[in-house]
Amino acid sequence: MKGEQYLSKPWQYGLVHSRGRSYPGNMVVLRVLPNGLELSRYGFVVSRRVGKAVVRNKVKRLFREILRQAPLKPGRDIVIIARPRAAGAGFADLEKLILSLLSRAQLLMENYEESCIRTN
């Protein structure tokens, strides 16, 4: 992902947290806020409760890869907040959960959602 696709300022995270819509899961919480731009921006919150630095960085790498592969609609600020259970989860489990939360939030492209429903 490119640099402009990341939320980089604390006030941006605060805005998504205070005004955004929340979609909770058992390992992550997805917060979404329309941003009025032609691209979606991402941010990750992985606290020390998840684990030590190596574990937190691994979780963030997994989140980045999942969002890189997902065909998302533009114009949203997305913050993914990791819960402690995310530390022990594998890529497939996290991917399935995050894609289902993105689908609930109606952030996936229409043709991608239809193909996921057909395969499941």
PDB file of N, CA and C in Angstrom:
ATOM      1  N   MET A   1       0.834  -1.175   0.000  1.00  0.00           N
ATOM      2  CA  MET A   1       0.000   0.000   0.000  1.00  0.00           C
ATOM      3  C   MET A   1       0.879   1.238   0.000  1.00  0.00           C
ATOM      4  N   LYS A   2       0.373   2.272  -0.624  1.00  0.00           N
ATOM      5  CA  LYS A   2       1.114   3.519  -0.714  1.00  0.00           C
ATOM      6  C   LYS A   2       0.891   4.356   0.534  1.00  0.00           C
ATOM      7  N   GLY A   3       1.749   5.346   0.726  1.00  0.00           N
ATOM      8  CA  GLY A   3       1.687   6.185   1.915  1.00  0.00           C
ATOM      9  C   GLY A   3       0.397   6.953   2.073  1.00  0.00           C
ATOM     10  N   GLU A   4      -0.209   7.400   0.970  1.00  0.00           N
ATOM     11  CA  GLU A   4      -1.454   8.168   1.089  1.00  0.00           C
ATOM     12  C   GLU A   4      -2.640   7.282   1.462  1.00  0.00           C
ATOM     13  N   GLN A   5      -2.454   5.981   1.482  1.00  0.00           N
ATOM     14  CA  GLN A   5      -3.531   5.072   1.854  1.00  0.00           C
ATOM     15  C   GLN A   5      -3.569   4.780   3.352  1.00  0.00           C
ATOM     16  N   TYR A   6      -2.722   5.433   4.126  1.00  0.00           N
ATOM     17  CA  TYR A   6      -2.680   5.207   5.562  1.00  0.00           C
ATOM     18  C   TYR A   6      -3.193   6.418   6.322  1.00  0.00           C
ATOM     19  N   LEU A   7      -3.850   6.161   7.430  1.00  0.00           N
ATOM     20  CA  LEU A   7      -4.156   7.214   8.374  1.00  0.00           C
ATOM     21  C   LEU A   7      -2.880   7.456   9.157  1.00  0.00           C
ATOM     22  N   SER A   8      -2.432   8.700   9.204  1.00  0.00           N
ATOM     23  CA  SER A   8      -1.125   8.950   9.795  1.00  0.00           C
ATOM     24  C   SER A   8      -1.158   9.894  10.991  1.00  0.00           C
ATOM     25  N   LYS A   9      -2.222  10.608  11.181  1.00  0.00           N
ATOM     26  CA  LYS A   9      -2.294  11.584  12.265  1.00  0.00           C
ATOM     27  C   LYS A   9      -3.220  11.080  13.372  1.00  0.00           C
ATOM     28  N   PRO A  10      -2.885  11.387  14.613  1.00  0.00           N
ATOM     29  CA  PRO A  10      -3.754  10.950  15.720  1.00  0.00           C
ATOM     30  C   PRO A  10      -5.177  11.499  15.621  1.00  0.00           C
ATOM     31  N   TRP A  11      -5.346  12.710  15.104  1.00  0.00           N
ATOM     32  CA  TRP A  11      -6.690  13.269  15.000  1.00  0.00           C
ATOM     33  C   TRP A  11      -7.534  12.510  13.974  1.00  0.00           C
ATOM     34  N   GLN A  12      -6.881  11.895  12.963  1.00  0.00           N
ATOM     35  CA  GLN A  12      -7.629  11.101  11.989  1.00  0.00           C
ATOM     36  C   GLN A  12      -8.203   9.844  12.661  1.00  0.00           C
ATOM     37  N   TYR A  13      -7.387   9.207  13.495  1.00  0.00           N
ATOM     38  CA  TYR A  13      -7.867   8.047  14.242  1.00  0.00           C
ATOM     39  C   TYR A  13      -8.995   8.453  15.190  1.00  0.00           C
ATOM     40  N   GLY A  14      -8.820   9.597  15.850  1.00  0.00           N
ATOM     41  CA  GLY A  14      -9.839  10.090  16.778  1.00  0.00           C
ATOM     42  C   GLY A  14     -11.155  10.383  16.088  1.00  0.00           C
ATOM     43  N   LEU A  15     -11.082  10.932  14.888  1.00  0.00           N
ATOM     44  CA  LEU A  15     -12.287  11.236  14.131  1.00  0.00           C
ATOM     45  C   LEU A  15     -13.038   9.958  13.756  1.00  0.00           C
ATOM     46  N   VAL A  16     -12.309   8.960  13.289  1.00  0.00           N
ATOM     47  CA  VAL A  16     -12.938   7.679  12.945  1.00  0.00           C
ATOM     48  C   VAL A  16     -13.516   7.031  14.199  1.00  0.00           C
ATOM     49  N   HIS A  17     -12.801   7.146  15.310  1.00  0.00           N
ATOM     50  CA  HIS A  17     -13.271   6.532  16.550  1.00  0.00           C
ATOM     51  C   HIS A  17     -14.536   7.218  17.069  1.00  0.00           C
ATOM     52  N   SER A  18     -14.584   8.543  16.998  1.00  0.00           N
ATOM     53  CA  SER A  18     -15.722   9.256  17.579  1.00  0.00           C
ATOM     54  C   SER A  18     -16.941   9.291  16.654  1.00  0.00           C
ATOM     55  N   ARG A  19     -16.725   9.415  15.345  1.00  0.00           N
ATOM     56  CA  ARG A  19     -17.844   9.559  14.421  1.00  0.00           C
ATOM     57  C   ARG A  19     -18.117   8.328  13.570  1.00  0.00           C
ATOM     58  N   GLY A  20     -17.194   7.381  13.561  1.00  0.00           N
ATOM     59  CA  GLY A  20     -17.329   6.225  12.679  1.00  0.00           C
ATOM     60  C   GLY A  20     -18.289   5.189  13.200  1.00  0.00           C
ATOM     61  N   ARG A  21     -18.677   4.296  12.314  1.00  0.00           N
ATOM     62  CA  ARG A  21     -19.552   3.181  12.651  1.00  0.00           C
ATOM     63  C   ARG A  21     -18.691   1.984  13.027  1.00  0.00           C
ATOM     64  N   SER A  22     -19.120   1.216  14.012  1.00  0.00           N
ATOM     65  CA  SER A  22     -18.345   0.100  14.529  1.00  0.00           C
ATOM     66  C   SER A  22     -18.973  -1.223  14.123  1.00  0.00           C
ATOM     67  N   TYR A  23     -18.093  -2.177  13.750  1.00  0.00           N
ATOM     68  CA  TYR A  23     -18.500  -3.540  13.407  1.00  0.00           C
ATOM     69  C   TYR A  23     -17.622  -4.498  14.209  1.00  0.00           C
ATOM     70  N   PRO A  24     -18.113  -4.992  15.347  1.00  0.00           N
ATOM     71  CA  PRO A  24     -17.269  -5.840  16.201  1.00  0.00           C
ATOM     72  C   PRO A  24     -17.226  -7.287  15.744  1.00  0.00           C
ATOM     73  N   GLY A  25     -16.071  -7.899  15.970  1.00  0.00           N
ATOM     74  CA  GLY A  25     -15.872  -9.323  15.750  1.00  0.00           C
ATOM     75  C   GLY A  25     -15.201  -9.908  16.979  1.00  0.00           C
ATOM     76  N   ASN A  26     -14.956 -11.208  16.984  1.00  0.00           N
ATOM     77  CA  ASN A  26     -14.352 -11.802  18.177  1.00  0.00           C
ATOM     78  C   ASN A  26     -12.849 -11.563  18.270  1.00  0.00           C
ATOM     79  N   MET A  27     -12.178 -11.246  17.129  1.00  0.00           N
ATOM     80  CA  MET A  27     -10.737 -10.994  17.161  1.00  0.00           C
ATOM     81  C   MET A  27     -10.366  -9.568  16.775  1.00  0.00           C
ATOM     82  N   VAL A  28     -11.246  -8.884  16.056  1.00  0.00           N
ATOM     83  CA  VAL A  28     -10.986  -7.510  15.629  1.00  0.00           C
ATOM     84  C   VAL A  28     -12.270  -6.695  15.691  1.00  0.00           C
ATOM     85  N   VAL A  29     -12.095  -5.377  15.720  1.00  0.00           N
ATOM     86  CA  VAL A  29     -13.204  -4.435  15.614  1.00  0.00           C
ATOM     87  C   VAL A  29     -12.898  -3.556  14.407  1.00  0.00           C
ATOM     88  N   LEU A  30     -13.876  -3.399  13.545  1.00  0.00           N
ATOM     89  CA  LEU A  30     -13.734  -2.581  12.345  1.00  0.00           C
ATOM     90  C   LEU A  30     -14.496  -1.294  12.569  1.00  0.00           C
ATOM     91  N   ARG A  31     -13.833  -0.143  12.364  1.00  0.00           N
ATOM     92  CA  ARG A  31     -14.489   1.151  12.467  1.00  0.00           C
ATOM     93  C   ARG A  31     -14.367   1.837  11.117  1.00  0.00           C
ATOM     94  N   VAL A  32     -15.482   2.399  10.627  1.00  0.00           N
ATOM     95  CA  VAL A  32     -15.530   2.953   9.284  1.00  0.00           C
ATOM     96  C   VAL A  32     -16.165   4.341   9.319  1.00  0.00           C
ATOM     97  N   LEU A  33     -15.592   5.253   8.532  1.00  0.00           N
ATOM     98  CA  LEU A  33     -16.122   6.604   8.400  1.00  0.00           C
ATOM     99  C   LEU A  33     -15.919   7.072   6.965  1.00  0.00           C
ATOM    100  N   PRO A  34     -16.961   7.579   6.297  1.00  0.00           N
ATOM    101  CA  PRO A  34     -16.762   8.132   4.953  1.00  0.00           C
ATOM    102  C   PRO A  34     -15.810   9.323   5.005  1.00  0.00           C
ATOM    103  N   ASN A  35     -14.894   9.408   4.013  1.00  0.00           N
ATOM    104  CA  ASN A  35     -13.902  10.482   4.043  1.00  0.00           C
ATOM    105  C   ASN A  35     -14.024  11.476   2.896  1.00  0.00           C
ATOM    106  N   GLY A  36     -14.889  11.216   1.899  1.00  0.00           N
ATOM    107  CA  GLY A  36     -15.077  12.146   0.801  1.00  0.00           C
ATOM    108  C   GLY A  36     -13.929  12.200  -0.190  1.00  0.00           C
ATOM    109  N   LEU A  37     -12.989  11.286  -0.094  1.00  0.00           N
ATOM    110  CA  LEU A  37     -11.861  11.228  -1.015  1.00  0.00           C
ATOM    111  C   LEU A  37     -12.104  10.152  -2.068  1.00  0.00           C
ATOM    112  N   GLU A  38     -11.210  10.086  -3.041  1.00  0.00           N
ATOM    113  CA  GLU A  38     -11.347   9.073  -4.085  1.00  0.00           C
ATOM    114  C   GLU A  38     -10.592   7.791  -3.755  1.00  0.00           C
ATOM    115  N   LEU A  39     -10.119   7.677  -2.532  1.00  0.00           N
ATOM    116  CA  LEU A  39      -9.427   6.470  -2.100  1.00  0.00           C
ATOM    117  C   LEU A  39      -9.780   6.176  -0.657  1.00  0.00           C
ATOM    118  N   SER A  40      -9.620   4.940  -0.293  1.00  0.00           N
ATOM    119  CA  SER A  40      -9.829   4.547   1.096  1.00  0.00           C
ATOM    120  C   SER A  40      -8.500   4.595   1.832  1.00  0.00           C
ATOM    121  N   ARG A  41      -8.560   5.011   3.091  1.00  0.00           N
ATOM    122  CA  ARG A  41      -7.358   5.055   3.920  1.00  0.00           C
ATOM    123  C   ARG A  41      -7.519   4.076   5.072  1.00  0.00           C
ATOM    124  N   TYR A  42      -6.406   3.505   5.521  1.00  0.00           N
ATOM    125  CA  TYR A  42      -6.420   2.440   6.513  1.00  0.00           C
ATOM    126  C   TYR A  42      -5.580   2.830   7.721  1.00  0.00           C
ATOM    127  N   GLY A  43      -5.967   2.285   8.855  1.00  0.00           N
ATOM    128  CA  GLY A  43      -5.188   2.435  10.072  1.00  0.00           C
ATOM    129  C   GLY A  43      -5.358   1.187  10.916  1.00  0.00           C
ATOM    130  N   PHE A  44      -4.321   0.856  11.667  1.00  0.00           N
ATOM    131  CA  PHE A  44      -4.345  -0.345  12.498  1.00  0.00           C
ATOM    132  C   PHE A  44      -4.013   0.035  13.931  1.00  0.00           C
ATOM    133  N   VAL A  45      -4.766  -0.516  14.878  1.00  0.00           N
ATOM    134  CA  VAL A  45      -4.507  -0.301  16.296  1.00  0.00           C
ATOM    135  C   VAL A  45      -4.264  -1.670  16.908  1.00  0.00           C
ATOM    136  N   VAL A  46      -3.028  -1.894  17.358  1.00  0.00           N
ATOM    137  CA  VAL A  46      -2.661  -3.160  17.984  1.00  0.00           C
ATOM    138  C   VAL A  46      -1.956  -2.797  19.290  1.00  0.00           C
ATOM    139  N   SER A  47      -2.667  -2.945  20.407  1.00  0.00           N
ATOM    140  CA  SER A  47      -2.129  -2.512  21.690  1.00  0.00           C
ATOM    141  C   SER A  47      -1.193  -3.558  22.301  1.00  0.00           C
ATOM    142  N   ARG A  48      -0.577  -3.200  23.391  1.00  0.00           N
ATOM    143  CA  ARG A  48       0.337  -4.110  24.078  1.00  0.00           C
ATOM    144  C   ARG A  48      -0.367  -5.315  24.669  1.00  0.00           C
ATOM    145  N   ARG A  49      -1.674  -5.214  24.853  1.00  0.00           N
ATOM    146  CA  ARG A  49      -2.423  -6.366  25.371  1.00  0.00           C
ATOM    147  C   ARG A  49      -2.407  -7.532  24.390  1.00  0.00           C
ATOM    148  N   VAL A  50      -2.174  -7.242  23.108  1.00  0.00           N
ATOM    149  CA  VAL A  50      -2.132  -8.298  22.092  1.00  0.00           C
ATOM    150  C   VAL A  50      -0.871  -9.133  22.246  1.00  0.00           C
ATOM    151  N   GLY A  51       0.233  -8.502  22.616  1.00  0.00           N
ATOM    152  CA  GLY A  51       1.479  -9.241  22.790  1.00  0.00           C
ATOM    153  C   GLY A  51       2.674  -8.320  22.713  1.00  0.00           C
ATOM    154  N   LYS A  52       3.846  -8.919  22.674  1.00  0.00           N
ATOM    155  CA  LYS A  52       5.072  -8.142  22.556  1.00  0.00           C
ATOM    156  C   LYS A  52       5.219  -7.613  21.140  1.00  0.00           C
ATOM    157  N   ALA A  53       6.272  -6.842  20.883  1.00  0.00           N
ATOM    158  CA  ALA A  53       6.436  -6.132  19.617  1.00  0.00           C
ATOM    159  C   ALA A  53       6.424  -7.057  18.405  1.00  0.00           C
ATOM    160  N   VAL A  54       7.061  -8.209  18.524  1.00  0.00           N
ATOM    161  CA  VAL A  54       7.120  -9.140  17.398  1.00  0.00           C
ATOM    162  C   VAL A  54       5.708  -9.609  17.017  1.00  0.00           C
ATOM    163  N   VAL A  55       4.906  -9.916  18.004  1.00  0.00           N
ATOM    164  CA  VAL A  55       3.540 -10.385  17.765  1.00  0.00           C
ATOM    165  C   VAL A  55       2.687  -9.257  17.195  1.00  0.00           C
ATOM    166  N   ARG A  56       2.813  -8.062  17.762  1.00  0.00           N
ATOM    167  CA  ARG A  56       2.029  -6.922  17.267  1.00  0.00           C
ATOM    168  C   ARG A  56       2.374  -6.613  15.821  1.00  0.00           C
ATOM    169  N   ASN A  57       3.645  -6.649  15.468  1.00  0.00           N
ATOM    170  CA  ASN A  57       4.045  -6.378  14.090  1.00  0.00           C
ATOM    171  C   ASN A  57       3.547  -7.463  13.136  1.00  0.00           C
ATOM    172  N   LYS A  58       3.537  -8.702  13.587  1.00  0.00           N
ATOM    173  CA  LYS A  58       3.017  -9.788  12.758  1.00  0.00           C
ATOM    174  C   LYS A  58       1.530  -9.583  12.470  1.00  0.00           C
ATOM    175  N   VAL A  59       0.777  -9.203  13.487  1.00  0.00           N
ATOM    176  CA  VAL A  59      -0.651  -8.961  13.316  1.00  0.00           C
ATOM    177  C   VAL A  59      -0.876  -7.822  12.327  1.00  0.00           C
ATOM    178  N   LYS A  60      -0.091  -6.760  12.433  1.00  0.00           N
ATOM    179  CA  LYS A  60      -0.229  -5.633  11.500  1.00  0.00           C
ATOM    180  C   LYS A  60       0.128  -6.038  10.072  1.00  0.00           C
ATOM    181  N   ARG A  61       1.134  -6.889   9.903  1.00  0.00           N
ATOM    182  CA  ARG A  61       1.473  -7.378   8.558  1.00  0.00           C
ATOM    183  C   ARG A  61       0.335  -8.201   7.968  1.00  0.00           C
ATOM    184  N   LEU A  62      -0.283  -9.029   8.793  1.00  0.00           N
ATOM    185  CA  LEU A  62      -1.424  -9.812   8.322  1.00  0.00           C
ATOM    186  C   LEU A  62      -2.580  -8.896   7.911  1.00  0.00           C
ATOM    187  N   PHE A  63      -2.872  -7.883   8.717  1.00  0.00           N
ATOM    188  CA  PHE A  63      -3.932  -6.931   8.377  1.00  0.00           C
ATOM    189  C   PHE A  63      -3.641  -6.240   7.045  1.00  0.00           C
ATOM    190  N   ARG A  64      -2.391  -5.809   6.868  1.00  0.00           N
ATOM    191  CA  ARG A  64      -2.003  -5.121   5.629  1.00  0.00           C
ATOM    192  C   ARG A  64      -2.216  -6.005   4.406  1.00  0.00           C
ATOM    193  N   GLU A  65      -1.831  -7.259   4.517  1.00  0.00           N
ATOM    194  CA  GLU A  65      -1.961  -8.184   3.396  1.00  0.00           C
ATOM    195  C   GLU A  65      -3.430  -8.466   3.086  1.00  0.00           C
ATOM    196  N   ILE A  66      -4.237  -8.613   4.102  1.00  0.00           N
ATOM    197  CA  ILE A  66      -5.660  -8.863   3.880  1.00  0.00           C
ATOM    198  C   ILE A  66      -6.306  -7.678   3.167  1.00  0.00           C
ATOM    199  N   LEU A  67      -6.010  -6.464   3.604  1.00  0.00           N
ATOM    200  CA  LEU A  67      -6.591  -5.282   2.962  1.00  0.00           C
ATOM    201  C   LEU A  67      -6.016  -5.052   1.569  1.00  0.00           C
ATOM    202  N   ARG A  68      -4.783  -5.454   1.347  1.00  0.00           N
ATOM    203  CA  ARG A  68      -4.181  -5.301   0.020  1.00  0.00           C
ATOM    204  C   ARG A  68      -4.916  -6.163  -0.999  1.00  0.00           C
ATOM    205  N   GLN A  69      -5.341  -7.341  -0.592  1.00  0.00           N
ATOM    206  CA  GLN A  69      -6.007  -8.268  -1.500  1.00  0.00           C
ATOM    207  C   GLN A  69      -7.501  -7.999  -1.653  1.00  0.00           C
ATOM    208  N   ALA A  70      -8.111  -7.305  -0.716  1.00  0.00           N
ATOM    209  CA  ALA A  70      -9.561  -7.097  -0.734  1.00  0.00           C
ATOM    210  C   ALA A  70      -9.933  -5.967  -1.697  1.00  0.00           C
ATOM    211  N   PRO A  71     -10.910  -6.195  -2.583  1.00  0.00           N
ATOM    212  CA  PRO A  71     -11.372  -5.139  -3.488  1.00  0.00           C
ATOM    213  C   PRO A  71     -12.380  -4.244  -2.775  1.00  0.00           C
ATOM    214  N   LEU A  72     -11.908  -3.122  -2.254  1.00  0.00           N
ATOM    215  CA  LEU A  72     -12.750  -2.236  -1.455  1.00  0.00           C
ATOM    216  C   LEU A  72     -13.287  -1.070  -2.268  1.00  0.00           C
ATOM    217  N   LYS A  73     -14.450  -0.589  -1.857  1.00  0.00           N
ATOM    218  CA  LYS A  73     -15.001   0.621  -2.438  1.00  0.00           C
ATOM    219  C   LYS A  73     -14.185   1.809  -1.942  1.00  0.00           C
ATOM    220  N   PRO A  74     -13.970   2.828  -2.764  1.00  0.00           N
ATOM    221  CA  PRO A  74     -13.192   3.988  -2.324  1.00  0.00           C
ATOM    222  C   PRO A  74     -14.021   4.933  -1.461  1.00  0.00           C
ATOM    223  N   GLY A  75     -13.326   5.851  -0.790  1.00  0.00           N
ATOM    224  CA  GLY A  75     -13.991   6.910  -0.053  1.00  0.00           C
ATOM    225  C   GLY A  75     -14.291   6.625   1.400  1.00  0.00           C
ATOM    226  N   ARG A  76     -13.522   5.759   2.037  1.00  0.00           N
ATOM    227  CA  ARG A  76     -13.753   5.443   3.449  1.00  0.00           C
ATOM    228  C   ARG A  76     -12.439   5.473   4.220  1.00  0.00           C
ATOM    229  N   ASP A  77     -12.526   5.873   5.479  1.00  0.00           N
ATOM    230  CA  ASP A  77     -11.429   5.695   6.420  1.00  0.00           C
ATOM    231  C   ASP A  77     -11.760   4.456   7.232  1.00  0.00           C
ATOM    232  N   ILE A  78     -10.829   3.498   7.267  1.00  0.00           N
ATOM    233  CA  ILE A  78     -11.058   2.214   7.924  1.00  0.00           C
ATOM    234  C   ILE A  78      -9.990   2.016   8.996  1.00  0.00           C
ATOM    235  N   VAL A  79     -10.424   1.753  10.213  1.00  0.00           N
ATOM    236  CA  VAL A  79      -9.503   1.442  11.312  1.00  0.00           C
ATOM    237  C   VAL A  79      -9.831   0.037  11.794  1.00  0.00           C
ATOM    238  N   ILE A  80      -8.799  -0.801  11.834  1.00  0.00           N
ATOM    239  CA  ILE A  80      -8.957  -2.160  12.354  1.00  0.00           C
ATOM    240  C   ILE A  80      -8.267  -2.219  13.712  1.00  0.00           C
ATOM    241  N   ILE A  81      -9.040  -2.564  14.734  1.00  0.00           N
ATOM    242  CA  ILE A  81      -8.535  -2.638  16.106  1.00  0.00           C
ATOM    243  C   ILE A  81      -8.420  -4.107  16.481  1.00  0.00           C
ATOM    244  N   ALA A  82      -7.212  -4.525  16.833  1.00  0.00           N
ATOM    245  CA  ALA A  82      -6.973  -5.930  17.182  1.00  0.00           C
ATOM    246  C   ALA A  82      -7.336  -6.190  18.637  1.00  0.00           C
ATOM    247  N   ARG A  83      -7.987  -7.305  18.853  1.00  0.00           N
ATOM    248  CA  ARG A  83      -8.231  -7.781  20.211  1.00  0.00           C
ATOM    249  C   ARG A  83      -7.170  -8.828  20.527  1.00  0.00           C
ATOM    250  N   PRO A  84      -6.949  -9.149  21.815  1.00  0.00           N
ATOM    251  CA  PRO A  84      -5.880 -10.095  22.170  1.00  0.00           C
ATOM    252  C   PRO A  84      -5.981 -11.461  21.483  1.00  0.00           C
ATOM    253  N   ARG A  85      -7.175 -11.907  21.138  1.00  0.00           N
ATOM    254  CA  ARG A  85      -7.327 -13.206  20.462  1.00  0.00           C
ATOM    255  C   ARG A  85      -6.718 -13.204  19.066  1.00  0.00           C
ATOM    256  N   ALA A  86      -6.486 -12.027  18.473  1.00  0.00           N
ATOM    257  CA  ALA A  86      -5.921 -11.949  17.121  1.00  0.00           C
ATOM    258  C   ALA A  86      -4.478 -12.446  17.091  1.00  0.00           C
ATOM    259  N   ALA A  87      -3.791 -12.415  18.232  1.00  0.00           N
ATOM    260  CA  ALA A  87      -2.386 -12.825  18.276  1.00  0.00           C
ATOM    261  C   ALA A  87      -2.220 -14.308  17.938  1.00  0.00           C
ATOM    262  N   GLY A  88      -3.152 -15.118  18.332  1.00  0.00           N
ATOM    263  CA  GLY A  88      -3.035 -16.554  18.095  1.00  0.00           C
ATOM    264  C   GLY A  88      -3.724 -17.034  16.827  1.00  0.00           C
ATOM    265  N   ALA A  89      -4.326 -16.120  16.094  1.00  0.00           N
ATOM    266  CA  ALA A  89      -5.081 -16.507  14.903  1.00  0.00           C
ATOM    267  C   ALA A  89      -4.172 -16.613  13.690  1.00  0.00           C
ATOM    268  N   GLY A  90      -4.533 -17.471  12.779  1.00  0.00           N
ATOM    269  CA  GLY A  90      -3.806 -17.614  11.528  1.00  0.00           C
ATOM    270  C   GLY A  90      -4.353 -16.660  10.474  1.00  0.00           C
ATOM    271  N   PHE A  91      -3.671 -16.640   9.341  1.00  0.00           N
ATOM    272  CA  PHE A  91      -4.053 -15.745   8.257  1.00  0.00           C
ATOM    273  C   PHE A  91      -5.470 -16.034   7.763  1.00  0.00           C
ATOM    274  N   ALA A  92      -5.800 -17.302   7.563  1.00  0.00           N
ATOM    275  CA  ALA A  92      -7.112 -17.675   7.019  1.00  0.00           C
ATOM    276  C   ALA A  92      -8.245 -17.247   7.948  1.00  0.00           C
ATOM    277  N   ASP A  93      -8.050 -17.425   9.262  1.00  0.00           N
ATOM    278  CA  ASP A  93      -9.083 -17.035  10.218  1.00  0.00           C
ATOM    279  C   ASP A  93      -9.295 -15.528  10.222  1.00  0.00           C
ATOM    280  N   LEU A  94      -8.194 -14.779  10.263  1.00  0.00           N
ATOM    281  CA  LEU A  94      -8.304 -13.322  10.247  1.00  0.00           C
ATOM    282  C   LEU A  94      -8.906 -12.826   8.935  1.00  0.00           C
ATOM    283  N   GLU A  95      -8.490 -13.428   7.831  1.00  0.00           N
ATOM    284  CA  GLU A  95      -9.007 -13.005   6.535  1.00  0.00           C
ATOM    285  C   GLU A  95     -10.517 -13.234   6.452  1.00  0.00           C
ATOM    286  N   LYS A  96     -10.967 -14.390   6.885  1.00  0.00           N
ATOM    287  CA  LYS A  96     -12.391 -14.696   6.845  1.00  0.00           C
ATOM    288  C   LYS A  96     -13.182 -13.713   7.703  1.00  0.00           C
ATOM    289  N   LEU A  97     -12.684 -13.411   8.898  1.00  0.00           N
ATOM    290  CA  LEU A  97     -13.374 -12.496   9.799  1.00  0.00           C
ATOM    291  C   LEU A  97     -13.389 -11.078   9.239  1.00  0.00           C
ATOM    292  N   ILE A  98     -12.255 -10.586   8.777  1.00  0.00           N
ATOM    293  CA  ILE A  98     -12.185  -9.214   8.279  1.00  0.00           C
ATOM    294  C   ILE A  98     -13.029  -9.057   7.015  1.00  0.00           C
ATOM    295  N   LEU A  99     -12.997 -10.027   6.116  1.00  0.00           N
ATOM    296  CA  LEU A  99     -13.826  -9.939   4.917  1.00  0.00           C
ATOM    297  C   LEU A  99     -15.310  -9.980   5.263  1.00  0.00           C
ATOM    298  N   SER A 100     -15.683 -10.747   6.273  1.00  0.00           N
ATOM    299  CA  SER A 100     -17.097 -10.764   6.663  1.00  0.00           C
ATOM    300  C   SER A 100     -17.503  -9.427   7.286  1.00  0.00           C
ATOM    301  N   LEU A 101     -16.611  -8.817   8.066  1.00  0.00           N
ATOM    302  CA  LEU A 101     -16.915  -7.499   8.635  1.00  0.00           C
ATOM    303  C   LEU A 101     -16.987  -6.434   7.541  1.00  0.00           C
ATOM    304  N   LEU A 102     -16.082  -6.500   6.569  1.00  0.00           N
ATOM    305  CA  LEU A 102     -16.124  -5.563   5.446  1.00  0.00           C
ATOM    306  C   LEU A 102     -17.404  -5.746   4.640  1.00  0.00           C
ATOM    307  N   SER A 103     -17.848  -6.974   4.503  1.00  0.00           N
ATOM    308  CA  SER A 103     -19.087  -7.244   3.793  1.00  0.00           C
ATOM    309  C   SER A 103     -20.287  -6.703   4.568  1.00  0.00           C
ATOM    310  N   ARG A 104     -20.293  -6.884   5.881  1.00  0.00           N
ATOM    311  CA  ARG A 104     -21.366  -6.338   6.715  1.00  0.00           C
ATOM    312  C   ARG A 104     -21.423  -4.825   6.623  1.00  0.00           C
ATOM    313  N   ALA A 105     -20.245  -4.204   6.502  1.00  0.00           N
ATOM    314  CA  ALA A 105     -20.166  -2.748   6.387  1.00  0.00           C
ATOM    315  C   ALA A 105     -20.419  -2.277   4.959  1.00  0.00           C
ATOM    316  N   GLN A 106     -20.649  -3.210   4.034  1.00  0.00           N
ATOM    317  CA  GLN A 106     -20.896  -2.939   2.622  1.00  0.00           C
ATOM    318  C   GLN A 106     -19.745  -2.156   1.989  1.00  0.00           C
ATOM    319  N   LEU A 107     -18.525  -2.603   2.261  1.00  0.00           N
ATOM    320  CA  LEU A 107     -17.334  -1.948   1.725  1.00  0.00           C
ATOM    321  C   LEU A 107     -16.692  -2.723   0.590  1.00  0.00           C
ATOM    322  N   LEU A 108     -17.112  -3.960   0.363  1.00  0.00           N
ATOM    323  CA  LEU A 108     -16.542  -4.749  -0.728  1.00  0.00           C
ATOM    324  C   LEU A 108     -17.271  -4.427  -2.026  1.00  0.00           C
ATOM    325  N   MET A 109     -16.549  -4.540  -3.138  1.00  0.00           N
ATOM    326  CA  MET A 109     -17.174  -4.347  -4.444  1.00  0.00           C
ATOM    327  C   MET A 109     -18.285  -5.379  -4.625  1.00  0.00           C
ATOM    328  N   GLU A 110     -19.343  -5.021  -5.343  1.00  0.00           N
ATOM    329  CA  GLU A 110     -20.528  -5.875  -5.478  1.00  0.00           C
ATOM    330  C   GLU A 110     -20.203  -7.232  -6.094  1.00  0.00           C
ATOM    331  N   ASN A 111     -19.430  -7.250  -7.178  1.00  0.00           N
ATOM    332  CA  ASN A 111     -19.157  -8.526  -7.847  1.00  0.00           C
ATOM    333  C   ASN A 111     -18.319  -9.454  -6.962  1.00  0.00           C
ATOM    334  N   TYR A 112     -17.493  -8.906  -6.071  1.00  0.00           N
ATOM    335  CA  TYR A 112     -16.693  -9.735  -5.170  1.00  0.00           C
ATOM    336  C   TYR A 112     -17.596 -10.383  -4.124  1.00  0.00           C
ATOM    337  N   GLU A 113     -18.554  -9.624  -3.596  1.00  0.00           N
ATOM    338  CA  GLU A 113     -19.464 -10.183  -2.593  1.00  0.00           C
ATOM    339  C   GLU A 113     -20.283 -11.321  -3.186  1.00  0.00           C
ATOM    340  N   GLU A 114     -20.747 -11.160  -4.427  1.00  0.00           N
ATOM    341  CA  GLU A 114     -21.546 -12.195  -5.062  1.00  0.00           C
ATOM    342  C   GLU A 114     -20.738 -13.469  -5.280  1.00  0.00           C
ATOM    343  N   SER A 115     -19.473 -13.325  -5.661  1.00  0.00           N
ATOM    344  CA  SER A 115     -18.646 -14.516  -5.875  1.00  0.00           C
ATOM    345  C   SER A 115     -18.330 -15.212  -4.557  1.00  0.00           C
ATOM    346  N   CYS A 116     -18.187 -14.472  -3.470  1.00  0.00           N
ATOM    347  CA  CYS A 116     -17.956 -15.092  -2.161  1.00  0.00           C
ATOM    348  C   CYS A 116     -19.189 -15.852  -1.696  1.00  0.00           C
ATOM    349  N   ILE A 117     -20.365 -15.301  -1.958  1.00  0.00           N
ATOM    350  CA  ILE A 117     -21.583 -15.970  -1.533  1.00  0.00           C
ATOM    351  C   ILE A 117     -21.770 -17.273  -2.310  1.00  0.00           C
ATOM    352  N   ARG A 118     -21.429 -17.255  -3.594  1.00  0.00           N
ATOM    353  CA  ARG A 118     -21.582 -18.467  -4.417  1.00  0.00           C
ATOM    354  C   ARG A 118     -20.644 -19.578  -3.972  1.00  0.00           C
ATOM    355  N   THR A 119     -19.430 -19.234  -3.568  1.00  0.00           N
ATOM    356  CA  THR A 119     -18.449 -20.261  -3.199  1.00  0.00           C
ATOM    357  C   THR A 119     -18.711 -20.814  -1.812  1.00  0.00           C
ATOM    358  N   ASN A 120     -19.383 -20.068  -0.946  1.00  0.00           N
ATOM    359  CA  ASN A 120     -19.641 -20.533   0.420  1.00  0.00           C
ATOM    360  C   ASN A 120     -20.838 -21.356   0.479  1.00  0.00           C
TER     361      ASN A 120
END
